[in-house]
Amino acid sequence: MPNYKESTIQGTQYTRCRAVEVLNNYGKVPQVNFQEEQISLFGDEVIRKGLGSINIPYNGSKTITLVNPVDNTPLGKTVTYEEMYVMLYSAYIQEALARDASVSN
């Protein structure tokens, strides 16, 4: 028996990171979680499907090869997870201080 209203469609499908979560629980090894999703594009319709996550325990000496987020070309530079940790911590402190300054004024 054929499928009701079956048709052949064309589209595009790719995987992307939909969220990045940094866990810094007290007394535990920090962890970075990259949550992935599959995007399917059919004309104007977008279908999103969760694919799970990649969970990375913190290793400060591990390197990250930097790529351009627009076209995935390598930038020829690396940073360590320690440098990323310092950047995220600094961003947090900067934003927390700005918030505290606006609340106390």
C-alpha atoms as a PDB file:
ATOM      1  CA  MET A   1       0.000   0.000   0.000  1.00  0.00           C
ATOM      2  CA  PRO A   2       1.462   3.401  -0.936  1.00  0.00           C
ATOM      3  CA  ASN A   3       1.948   6.170   1.636  1.00  0.00           C
ATOM      4  CA  TYR A   4      -0.842   8.730   1.725  1.00  0.00           C
ATOM      5  CA  LYS A   5       0.172  12.007  -0.026  1.00  0.00           C
ATOM      6  CA  GLU A   6       3.748  10.819  -0.478  1.00  0.00           C
ATOM      7  CA  SER A   7       6.028  13.203  -2.326  1.00  0.00           C
ATOM      8  CA  THR A   8       9.724  13.639  -2.983  1.00  0.00           C
ATOM      9  CA  ILE A   9      11.236  16.747  -1.423  1.00  0.00           C
ATOM     10  CA  GLN A  10      14.591  18.475  -1.651  1.00  0.00           C
ATOM     11  CA  GLY A  11      16.331  20.242   1.153  1.00  0.00           C
ATOM     12  CA  THR A  12      19.449  20.741   3.205  1.00  0.00           C
ATOM     13  CA  GLN A  13      20.473  19.052   6.433  1.00  0.00           C
ATOM     14  CA  TYR A  14      23.348  19.798   8.787  1.00  0.00           C
ATOM     15  CA  THR A  15      24.508  19.453  12.390  1.00  0.00           C
ATOM     16  CA  ARG A  16      25.187  22.456  14.602  1.00  0.00           C
ATOM     17  CA  CYS A  17      25.968  23.249  18.214  1.00  0.00           C
ATOM     18  CA  ARG A  18      22.810  24.765  19.718  1.00  0.00           C
ATOM     19  CA  ALA A  19      24.162  25.388  23.222  1.00  0.00           C
ATOM     20  CA  VAL A  20      27.386  25.375  25.164  1.00  0.00           C
ATOM     21  CA  GLU A  21      27.201  24.661  28.874  1.00  0.00           C
ATOM     22  CA  VAL A  22      30.126  25.129  31.238  1.00  0.00           C
ATOM     23  CA  LEU A  23      29.744  23.203  34.482  1.00  0.00           C
ATOM     24  CA  ASN A  24      31.862  24.477  37.333  1.00  0.00           C
ATOM     25  CA  ASN A  25      30.385  22.561  40.260  1.00  0.00           C
ATOM     26  CA  TYR A  26      32.078  23.011  43.604  1.00  0.00           C
ATOM     27  CA  GLY A  27      34.604  20.252  44.333  1.00  0.00           C
ATOM     28  CA  LYS A  28      34.309  18.682  40.882  1.00  0.00           C
ATOM     29  CA  VAL A  29      36.365  18.828  37.697  1.00  0.00           C
ATOM     30  CA  PRO A  30      34.901  21.537  35.424  1.00  0.00           C
ATOM     31  CA  GLN A  31      33.272  20.271  32.246  1.00  0.00           C
ATOM     32  CA  VAL A  32      32.179  21.744  28.911  1.00  0.00           C
ATOM     33  CA  ASN A  33      29.106  20.300  27.206  1.00  0.00           C
ATOM     34  CA  PHE A  34      28.353  21.006  23.548  1.00  0.00           C
ATOM     35  CA  GLN A  35      24.687  20.265  22.781  1.00  0.00           C
ATOM     36  CA  GLU A  36      24.129  19.361  19.141  1.00  0.00           C
ATOM     37  CA  GLU A  37      21.076  19.497  16.933  1.00  0.00           C
ATOM     38  CA  GLN A  38      20.287  18.488  13.376  1.00  0.00           C
ATOM     39  CA  ILE A  39      18.701  21.151  11.177  1.00  0.00           C
ATOM     40  CA  SER A  40      16.646  20.093   8.167  1.00  0.00           C
ATOM     41  CA  LEU A  41      15.573  22.825   5.757  1.00  0.00           C
ATOM     42  CA  PHE A  42      12.792  22.161   3.258  1.00  0.00           C
ATOM     43  CA  GLY A  43      11.867  25.406   1.515  1.00  0.00           C
ATOM     44  CA  ASP A  44      10.607  27.704   4.294  1.00  0.00           C
ATOM     45  CA  GLU A  45      10.190  24.855   6.788  1.00  0.00           C
ATOM     46  CA  VAL A  46      12.836  24.226   9.464  1.00  0.00           C
ATOM     47  CA  ILE A  47      12.891  20.979  11.428  1.00  0.00           C
ATOM     48  CA  ARG A  48      15.150  20.798  14.499  1.00  0.00           C
ATOM     49  CA  LYS A  49      16.119  17.502  16.123  1.00  0.00           C
ATOM     50  CA  GLY A  50      18.252  17.150  19.248  1.00  0.00           C
ATOM     51  CA  LEU A  51      21.250  14.861  18.794  1.00  0.00           C
ATOM     52  CA  GLY A  52      22.719  14.724  22.284  1.00  0.00           C
ATOM     53  CA  SER A  53      25.914  16.279  23.549  1.00  0.00           C
ATOM     54  CA  ILE A  54      29.685  16.071  23.567  1.00  0.00           C
ATOM     55  CA  ASN A  55      30.945  16.218  27.159  1.00  0.00           C
ATOM     56  CA  ILE A  56      34.552  17.321  27.723  1.00  0.00           C
ATOM     57  CA  PRO A  57      36.136  17.123  31.191  1.00  0.00           C
ATOM     58  CA  TYR A  58      38.474  20.056  31.806  1.00  0.00           C
ATOM     59  CA  ASN A  59      42.094  19.556  30.747  1.00  0.00           C
ATOM     60  CA  GLY A  60      43.891  22.911  30.850  1.00  0.00           C
ATOM     61  CA  SER A  61      46.748  21.850  28.577  1.00  0.00           C
ATOM     62  CA  LYS A  62      44.502  20.496  25.794  1.00  0.00           C
ATOM     63  CA  THR A  63      44.583  22.750  22.719  1.00  0.00           C
ATOM     64  CA  ILE A  64      41.729  24.069  20.606  1.00  0.00           C
ATOM     65  CA  THR A  65      42.432  24.735  16.929  1.00  0.00           C
ATOM     66  CA  LEU A  66      40.591  27.944  16.059  1.00  0.00           C
ATOM     67  CA  VAL A  67      38.349  27.997  12.995  1.00  0.00           C
ATOM     68  CA  ASN A  68      36.289  30.769  11.418  1.00  0.00           C
ATOM     69  CA  PRO A  69      32.672  30.251  12.562  1.00  0.00           C
ATOM     70  CA  VAL A  70      31.360  31.592   9.240  1.00  0.00           C
ATOM     71  CA  ASP A  71      33.085  29.145   6.878  1.00  0.00           C
ATOM     72  CA  ASN A  72      35.071  26.671   9.059  1.00  0.00           C
ATOM     73  CA  THR A  73      38.436  27.713   7.610  1.00  0.00           C
ATOM     74  CA  PRO A  74      41.381  27.234   9.995  1.00  0.00           C
ATOM     75  CA  LEU A  75      42.690  30.503  11.447  1.00  0.00           C
ATOM     76  CA  GLY A  76      46.192  29.132  12.006  1.00  0.00           C
ATOM     77  CA  LYS A  77      45.993  29.714  15.762  1.00  0.00           C
ATOM     78  CA  THR A  78      45.382  27.605  18.833  1.00  0.00           C
ATOM     79  CA  VAL A  79      44.405  28.305  22.429  1.00  0.00           C
ATOM     80  CA  THR A  80      44.436  26.018  25.419  1.00  0.00           C
ATOM     81  CA  TYR A  81      41.451  25.094  27.528  1.00  0.00           C
ATOM     82  CA  GLU A  82      43.203  27.030  30.320  1.00  0.00           C
ATOM     83  CA  GLU A  83      43.166  30.189  28.177  1.00  0.00           C
ATOM     84  CA  MET A  84      39.490  29.606  27.376  1.00  0.00           C
ATOM     85  CA  TYR A  85      38.766  29.109  31.087  1.00  0.00           C
ATOM     86  CA  VAL A  86      40.518  32.413  31.891  1.00  0.00           C
ATOM     87  CA  MET A  87      38.506  34.196  29.176  1.00  0.00           C
ATOM     88  CA  LEU A  88      35.177  32.826  30.422  1.00  0.00           C
ATOM     89  CA  TYR A  89      36.044  33.548  34.053  1.00  0.00           C
ATOM     90  CA  SER A  90      37.071  37.096  33.108  1.00  0.00           C
ATOM     91  CA  ALA A  91      33.820  37.587  31.158  1.00  0.00           C
ATOM     92  CA  TYR A  92      31.859  36.419  34.209  1.00  0.00           C
ATOM     93  CA  ILE A  93      33.731  38.744  36.614  1.00  0.00           C
ATOM     94  CA  GLN A  94      33.332  41.698  34.228  1.00  0.00           C
ATOM     95  CA  GLU A  95      29.575  41.140  33.858  1.00  0.00           C
ATOM     96  CA  ALA A  96      29.055  40.444  37.570  1.00  0.00           C
ATOM     97  CA  LEU A  97      30.868  43.678  38.507  1.00  0.00           C
ATOM     98  CA  ALA A  98      28.833  45.645  35.948  1.00  0.00           C
ATOM     99  CA  ARG A  99      25.607  44.154  37.314  1.00  0.00           C
ATOM    100  CA  ASP A 100      26.621  44.890  40.900  1.00  0.00           C
ATOM    101  CA  ALA A 101      27.537  48.476  40.009  1.00  0.00           C
ATOM    102  CA  SER A 102      24.153  49.070  38.371  1.00  0.00           C
ATOM    103  CA  VAL A 103      22.281  47.569  41.337  1.00  0.00           C
ATOM    104  CA  SER A 104      24.133  49.652  43.932  1.00  0.00           C
ATOM    105  CA  ASN A 105      23.580  52.957  42.078  1.00  0.00           C
END
